[in-house]
C-alpha atoms as a PDB file:
ATOM      1  CA  MET A   1      25.479  42.483  64.782  1.00  0.00           C
ATOM      2  CA  GLU A   2      28.131  40.363  65.644  1.00  0.00           C
ATOM      3  CA  GLU A   3      27.458  37.701  62.970  1.00  0.00           C
ATOM      4  CA  TYR A   4      27.396  40.740  60.482  1.00  0.00           C
ATOM      5  CA  MET A   5      30.856  41.789  61.631  1.00  0.00           C
ATOM      6  CA  LYS A   6      32.322  38.293  61.331  1.00  0.00           C
ATOM      7  CA  ARG A   7      30.832  38.001  57.654  1.00  0.00           C
ATOM      8  CA  TRP A   8      32.244  41.572  56.694  1.00  0.00           C
ATOM      9  CA  ILE A   9      35.982  40.488  57.999  1.00  0.00           C
ATOM     10  CA  LEU A  10      35.797  37.113  56.336  1.00  0.00           C
ATOM     11  CA  LEU A  11      34.652  38.937  52.997  1.00  0.00           C
ATOM     12  CA  SER A  12      37.129  41.372  53.377  1.00  0.00           C
ATOM     13  CA  CYS A  13      40.333  39.027  54.072  1.00  0.00           C
ATOM     14  CA  ALA A  14      39.326  36.724  51.177  1.00  0.00           C
ATOM     15  CA  LEU A  15      38.886  40.067  48.824  1.00  0.00           C
ATOM     16  CA  PHE A  16      42.241  41.353  50.198  1.00  0.00           C
ATOM     17  CA  LEU A  17      43.808  38.140  49.428  1.00  0.00           C
ATOM     18  CA  PHE A  18      42.336  37.623  46.310  1.00  0.00           C
ATOM     19  CA  ALA A  19      43.676  40.889  45.249  1.00  0.00           C
ATOM     20  CA  GLY A  20      47.058  40.177  46.295  1.00  0.00           C
ATOM     21  CA  GLY A  21      47.063  37.199  44.202  1.00  0.00           C
ATOM     22  CA  LEU A  22      46.103  39.119  40.948  1.00  0.00           C
ATOM     23  CA  SER A  23      48.541  41.628  41.639  1.00  0.00           C
ATOM     24  CA  ALA A  24      51.386  38.921  42.059  1.00  0.00           C
ATOM     25  CA  GLN A  25      51.073  38.372  38.379  1.00  0.00           C
ATOM     26  CA  GLN A  26      54.741  38.643  36.828  1.00  0.00           C
ATOM     27  CA  THR A  27      55.134  40.778  33.509  1.00  0.00           C
ATOM     28  CA  THR A  28      58.788  40.619  33.080  1.00  0.00           C
ATOM     29  CA  ALA A  29      61.461  38.143  32.632  1.00  0.00           C
ATOM     30  CA  ASP A  30      64.953  37.574  33.210  1.00  0.00           C
ATOM     31  CA  ILE A  31      68.062  36.439  31.104  1.00  0.00           C
ATOM     32  CA  TYR A  32      70.877  34.426  32.497  1.00  0.00           C
ATOM     33  CA  GLY A  33      73.681  33.338  30.777  1.00  0.00           C
ATOM     34  CA  THR A  34      77.285  31.847  30.920  1.00  0.00           C
ATOM     35  CA  VAL A  35      79.946  32.387  28.303  1.00  0.00           C
ATOM     36  CA  VAL A  36      82.354  29.354  27.829  1.00  0.00           C
ATOM     37  CA  LEU A  37      85.355  28.274  25.943  1.00  0.00           C
ATOM     38  CA  SER A  38      85.166  25.162  23.700  1.00  0.00           C
ATOM     39  CA  ASP A  39      87.128  22.842  26.325  1.00  0.00           C
ATOM     40  CA  GLY A  40      84.053  23.945  28.711  1.00  0.00           C
ATOM     41  CA  SER A  41      86.014  26.561  30.840  1.00  0.00           C
ATOM     42  CA  VAL A  42      84.325  29.962  31.544  1.00  0.00           C
ATOM     43  CA  LEU A  43      85.149  33.132  30.032  1.00  0.00           C
ATOM     44  CA  PRO A  44      85.038  36.004  32.564  1.00  0.00           C
ATOM     45  CA  GLY A  45      85.553  39.846  31.604  1.00  0.00           C
ATOM     46  CA  VAL A  46      83.151  39.334  28.342  1.00  0.00           C
ATOM     47  CA  LYS A  47      81.604  42.617  27.542  1.00  0.00           C
ATOM     48  CA  VAL A  48      77.630  41.533  26.799  1.00  0.00           C
ATOM     49  CA  ILE A  49      75.288  44.243  25.191  1.00  0.00           C
ATOM     50  CA  LEU A  50      71.479  43.441  25.073  1.00  0.00           C
ATOM     51  CA  THR A  51      69.316  45.107  22.658  1.00  0.00           C
ATOM     52  CA  ALA A  52      65.752  44.996  21.819  1.00  0.00           C
ATOM     53  CA  ASP A  53      62.972  47.753  20.425  1.00  0.00           C
ATOM     54  CA  VAL A  54      61.279  47.718  24.035  1.00  0.00           C
ATOM     55  CA  LEU A  55      64.417  48.483  25.587  1.00  0.00           C
ATOM     56  CA  GLY A  56      67.044  50.186  23.950  1.00  0.00           C
ATOM     57  CA  MET A  57      70.562  48.703  24.944  1.00  0.00           C
ATOM     58  CA  GLN A  58      71.973  47.424  27.959  1.00  0.00           C
ATOM     59  CA  THR A  59      75.348  46.647  28.887  1.00  0.00           C
ATOM     60  CA  THR A  60      77.042  44.213  31.469  1.00  0.00           C
ATOM     61  CA  VAL A  61      80.470  42.108  31.925  1.00  0.00           C
ATOM     62  CA  THR A  62      80.484  38.846  32.789  1.00  0.00           C
ATOM     63  CA  SER A  63      81.608  37.717  36.225  1.00  0.00           C
ATOM     64  CA  ARG A  64      84.804  35.584  37.355  1.00  0.00           C
ATOM     65  CA  GLU A  65      82.366  32.514  36.746  1.00  0.00           C
ATOM     66  CA  GLY A  66      81.709  34.060  32.900  1.00  0.00           C
ATOM     67  CA  ASN A  67      77.964  34.534  34.118  1.00  0.00           C
ATOM     68  CA  PHE A  68      76.031  37.527  33.203  1.00  0.00           C
ATOM     69  CA  ARG A  69      72.084  38.559  33.807  1.00  0.00           C
ATOM     70  CA  PHE A  70      69.955  40.857  32.795  1.00  0.00           C
ATOM     71  CA  LEU A  71      66.572  41.299  35.029  1.00  0.00           C
ATOM     72  CA  ARG A  72      62.919  42.327  34.622  1.00  0.00           C
ATOM     73  CA  LEU A  73      62.990  42.614  30.891  1.00  0.00           C
ATOM     74  CA  LEU A  74      59.603  43.192  29.180  1.00  0.00           C
ATOM     75  CA  PRO A  75      58.567  40.162  26.894  1.00  0.00           C
ATOM     76  CA  SER A  76      60.170  41.147  23.079  1.00  0.00           C
ATOM     77  CA  THR A  77      62.845  39.439  20.886  1.00  0.00           C
ATOM     78  CA  TYR A  78      66.097  40.640  22.102  1.00  0.00           C
ATOM     79  CA  GLU A  79      69.628  40.133  20.609  1.00  0.00           C
ATOM     80  CA  LEU A  80      72.917  39.651  22.660  1.00  0.00           C
ATOM     81  CA  LYS A  81      76.554  40.891  21.380  1.00  0.00           C
ATOM     82  CA  LEU A  82      79.538  39.546  23.018  1.00  0.00           C
ATOM     83  CA  GLU A  83      82.804  40.990  22.609  1.00  0.00           C
ATOM     84  CA  LEU A  84      86.361  40.357  24.121  1.00  0.00           C
ATOM     85  CA  ASP A  85      89.932  41.312  22.737  1.00  0.00           C
ATOM     86  CA  GLY A  86      91.443  38.123  21.281  1.00  0.00           C
ATOM     87  CA  PHE A  87      87.871  36.261  20.606  1.00  0.00           C
ATOM     88  CA  LYS A  88      85.851  36.328  17.577  1.00  0.00           C
ATOM     89  CA  THR A  89      82.581  38.849  18.636  1.00  0.00           C
ATOM     90  CA  VAL A  90      79.444  36.739  18.876  1.00  0.00           C
ATOM     91  CA  ILE A  91      76.208  38.088  18.264  1.00  0.00           C
ATOM     92  CA  GLN A  92      72.922  35.799  19.290  1.00  0.00           C
ATOM     93  CA  LYS A  93      69.831  36.845  17.466  1.00  0.00           C
ATOM     94  CA  GLY A  94      66.012  35.990  18.435  1.00  0.00           C
ATOM     95  CA  VAL A  95      66.413  35.296  21.927  1.00  0.00           C
ATOM     96  CA  ARG A  96      62.550  35.508  22.770  1.00  0.00           C
ATOM     97  CA  LEU A  97      61.322  36.053  26.415  1.00  0.00           C
ATOM     98  CA  TYR A  98      57.790  35.597  27.461  1.00  0.00           C
ATOM     99  CA  ALA A  99      56.293  37.123  30.837  1.00  0.00           C
ATOM    100  CA  GLY A 100      57.384  35.059  33.788  1.00  0.00           C
ATOM    101  CA  LYS A 101      59.574  32.796  31.797  1.00  0.00           C
ATOM    102  CA  ASN A 102      63.263  33.424  32.534  1.00  0.00           C
ATOM    103  CA  VAL A 103      65.978  31.998  29.919  1.00  0.00           C
ATOM    104  CA  THR A 104      69.439  30.519  30.665  1.00  0.00           C
ATOM    105  CA  LEU A 105      71.987  30.462  27.826  1.00  0.00           C
ATOM    106  CA  ALA A 106      75.212  29.175  27.166  1.00  0.00           C
ATOM    107  CA  ILE A 107      77.021  31.004  24.949  1.00  0.00           C
ATOM    108  CA  PRO A 108      80.454  29.879  23.484  1.00  0.00           C
ATOM    109  CA  MET A 109      83.331  31.999  22.111  1.00  0.00           C
ATOM    110  CA  GLU A 110      86.297  31.059  20.089  1.00  0.00           C
ATOM    111  CA  THR A 111      89.864  32.527  20.166  1.00  0.00           C
ATOM    112  CA  SER A 112      90.854  34.775  16.997  1.00  0.00           C
ATOM    113  CA  ALA A 113      93.846  36.539  15.950  1.00  0.00           C
ATOM    114  CA  LEU A 114      91.831  38.909  13.612  1.00  0.00           C
ATOM    115  CA  ASN A 115      88.890  40.613  14.569  1.00  0.00           C
ATOM    116  CA  GLU A 116      85.988  38.447  13.605  1.00  0.00           C
ATOM    117  CA  GLN A 117      82.702  38.457  13.964  1.00  0.00           C
ATOM    118  CA  VAL A 118      80.308  35.168  14.571  1.00  0.00           C
ATOM    119  CA  THR A 119      76.502  35.623  14.250  1.00  0.00           C
ATOM    120  CA  VAL A 120      74.286  32.752  15.760  1.00  0.00           C
ATOM    121  CA  LEU A 121      70.415  32.638  15.259  1.00  0.00           C
ATOM    122  CA  ALA A 122      68.971  31.744  18.884  1.00  0.00           C
ATOM    123  CA  LYS A 123      67.431  28.055  19.084  1.00  0.00           C
ATOM    124  CA  PRO A 124      64.447  27.536  21.599  1.00  0.00           C
ATOM    125  CA  PRO A 125      65.804  28.888  24.903  1.00  0.00           C
ATOM    126  CA  VAL A 126      66.394  26.502  28.064  1.00  0.00           C
ATOM    127  CA  ILE A 127      63.620  27.595  30.523  1.00  0.00           C
ATOM    128  CA  ASP A 128      65.064  28.434  33.688  1.00  0.00           C
ATOM    129  CA  THR A 129      64.009  26.179  36.406  1.00  0.00           C
ATOM    130  CA  ARG A 130      64.408  29.252  39.170  1.00  0.00           C
ATOM    131  CA  ARG A 131      60.987  30.406  40.169  1.00  0.00           C
ATOM    132  CA  THR A 132      60.120  33.873  39.082  1.00  0.00           C
ATOM    133  CA  THR A 133      58.185  35.607  42.036  1.00  0.00           C
ATOM    134  CA  VAL A 134      56.896  39.236  42.996  1.00  0.00           C
ATOM    135  CA  GLY A 135      57.986  40.500  46.715  1.00  0.00           C
ATOM    136  CA  MET A 136      57.423  43.600  48.484  1.00  0.00           C
ATOM    137  CA  ASN A 137      59.804  45.521  50.960  1.00  0.00           C
ATOM    138  CA  LEU A 138      58.161  47.515  54.068  1.00  0.00           C
ATOM    139  CA  THR A 139      59.637  49.600  56.313  1.00  0.00           C
ATOM    140  CA  LYS A 140      59.648  49.182  60.093  1.00  0.00           C
ATOM    141  CA  GLU A 141      57.168  52.063  60.509  1.00  0.00           C
ATOM    142  CA  ALA A 142      54.822  50.454  57.608  1.00  0.00           C
ATOM    143  CA  LEU A 143      54.831  47.149  59.416  1.00  0.00           C
ATOM    144  CA  GLU A 144      53.966  48.900  62.963  1.00  0.00           C
ATOM    145  CA  SER A 145      51.227  50.814  61.423  1.00  0.00           C
ATOM    146  CA  LEU A 146      49.579  47.485  60.465  1.00  0.00           C
ATOM    147  CA  PRO A 147      46.505  46.214  62.425  1.00  0.00           C
ATOM    148  CA  ARG A 148      47.558  43.559  64.772  1.00  0.00           C
ATOM    149  CA  HIS A 149      44.174  42.286  66.052  1.00  0.00           C
ATOM    150  CA  ALA A 150      40.553  43.466  65.640  1.00  0.00           C
ATOM    151  CA  ALA A 151      40.154  44.841  69.633  1.00  0.00           C
ATOM    152  CA  HIS A 152      43.287  47.034  68.460  1.00  0.00           C
ATOM    153  CA  HIS A 153      40.918  49.117  65.889  1.00  0.00           C
ATOM    154  CA  ARG A 154      37.901  49.429  68.063  1.00  0.00           C
ATOM    155  CA  GLY A 155      35.795  51.980  66.493  1.00  0.00           C
ATOM    156  CA  HIS A 156      37.060  51.414  63.148  1.00  0.00           C
ATOM    157  CA  GLU A 157      34.574  49.595  60.446  1.00  0.00           C
ATOM    158  CA  PRO A 158      36.564  46.655  59.030  1.00  0.00           C
ATOM    159  CA  HIS A 159      36.226  47.938  55.460  1.00  0.00           C
ATOM    160  CA  GLN A 160      38.426  50.630  56.899  1.00  0.00           C
ATOM    161  CA  ARG A 161      41.029  48.301  58.179  1.00  0.00           C
ATOM    162  CA  SER A 162      41.101  46.656  54.853  1.00  0.00           C
ATOM    163  CA  ALA A 163      42.098  49.898  53.182  1.00  0.00           C
ATOM    164  CA  ALA A 164      44.606  50.791  55.619  1.00  0.00           C
ATOM    165  CA  VAL A 165      46.195  47.361  54.967  1.00  0.00           C
ATOM    166  CA  ALA A 166      45.855  48.074  51.162  1.00  0.00           C
ATOM    167  CA  ALA A 167      46.932  51.539  51.409  1.00  0.00           C
ATOM    168  CA  GLN A 168      50.367  49.726  52.733  1.00  0.00           C
ATOM    169  CA  CYS A 169      50.734  47.792  49.299  1.00  0.00           C
ATOM    170  CA  PRO A 170      52.664  48.851  46.116  1.00  0.00           C
ATOM    171  CA  GLN A 171      50.730  50.176  43.262  1.00  0.00           C
ATOM    172  CA  PRO A 172      49.801  47.430  40.502  1.00  0.00           C
ATOM    173  CA  LEU A 173      52.382  46.376  37.810  1.00  0.00           C
ATOM    174  CA  VAL A 174      52.880  48.325  34.641  1.00  0.00           C
ATOM    175  CA  GLY A 175      49.702  47.783  32.330  1.00  0.00           C
ATOM    176  CA  ALA A 176      47.680  46.646  35.322  1.00  0.00           C
ATOM    177  CA  GLN A 177      44.013  48.610  35.087  1.00  0.00           C
ATOM    178  CA  PRO A 178      43.207  49.248  38.966  1.00  0.00           C
ATOM    179  CA  GLY A 179      39.480  49.768  39.748  1.00  0.00           C
ATOM    180  CA  PRO A 180      37.996  52.861  41.421  1.00  0.00           C
ATOM    181  CA  ARG A 181      39.187  53.646  44.817  1.00  0.00           C
ATOM    182  CA  HIS A 182      36.710  54.589  47.142  1.00  0.00           C
ATOM    183  CA  HIS A 183      39.073  55.009  50.424  1.00  0.00           C
ATOM    184  CA  ASP A 184      41.949  57.770  50.793  1.00  0.00           C
ATOM    185  CA  GLN A 185      45.446  56.257  52.302  1.00  0.00           C
ATOM    186  CA  HIS A 186      44.313  56.347  55.908  1.00  0.00           C
ATOM    187  CA  GLY A 187      41.067  54.101  55.117  1.00  0.00           C
ATOM    188  CA  ARG A 188      38.595  56.810  55.340  1.00  0.00           C
ATOM    189  CA  ARG A 189      35.867  56.220  52.930  1.00  0.00           C
ATOM    190  CA  ARG A 190      35.749  59.033  50.199  1.00  0.00           C
ATOM    191  CA  ARG A 191      32.337  60.831  49.608  1.00  0.00           C
END
């Protein structure tokens, strides 16, 4: 019986770790950018408008360092519009995002006495060298409710302990197809 328990625990742990790896697949990407002048200096306070069919519209303003970012975007083709009084409006079309592949852009702006607009078709984006990861935040109560060791859970079957830990995890990412659940949120087997 003891050998059976050990095998069951090892199998449960392996399946739990494998399932965790599957849910860690990234389905979104980020756009990072810097707005610069022709002399290389950065430009703060630029209104940056991001549009796409899958998104609608999002707006941000560049920081003191001339940086902007749009996070957790779905894979699609996006358009950026940059505006600031006294500068030519820049429209960058064709910014393509792929799942898990961040894009970093350096967008130049020029001063203008008139209200002008410049349209730029996107070049292949520079791939962001930052690593895209998935994380999870647990409350103190959730951490304390996790099993500490097998002796702590005498009287519980190994699959019930695994289900209790799995119940603390977030739901699968959008678009993922979870399999049927055979346990409730307390690790009890459903009938």
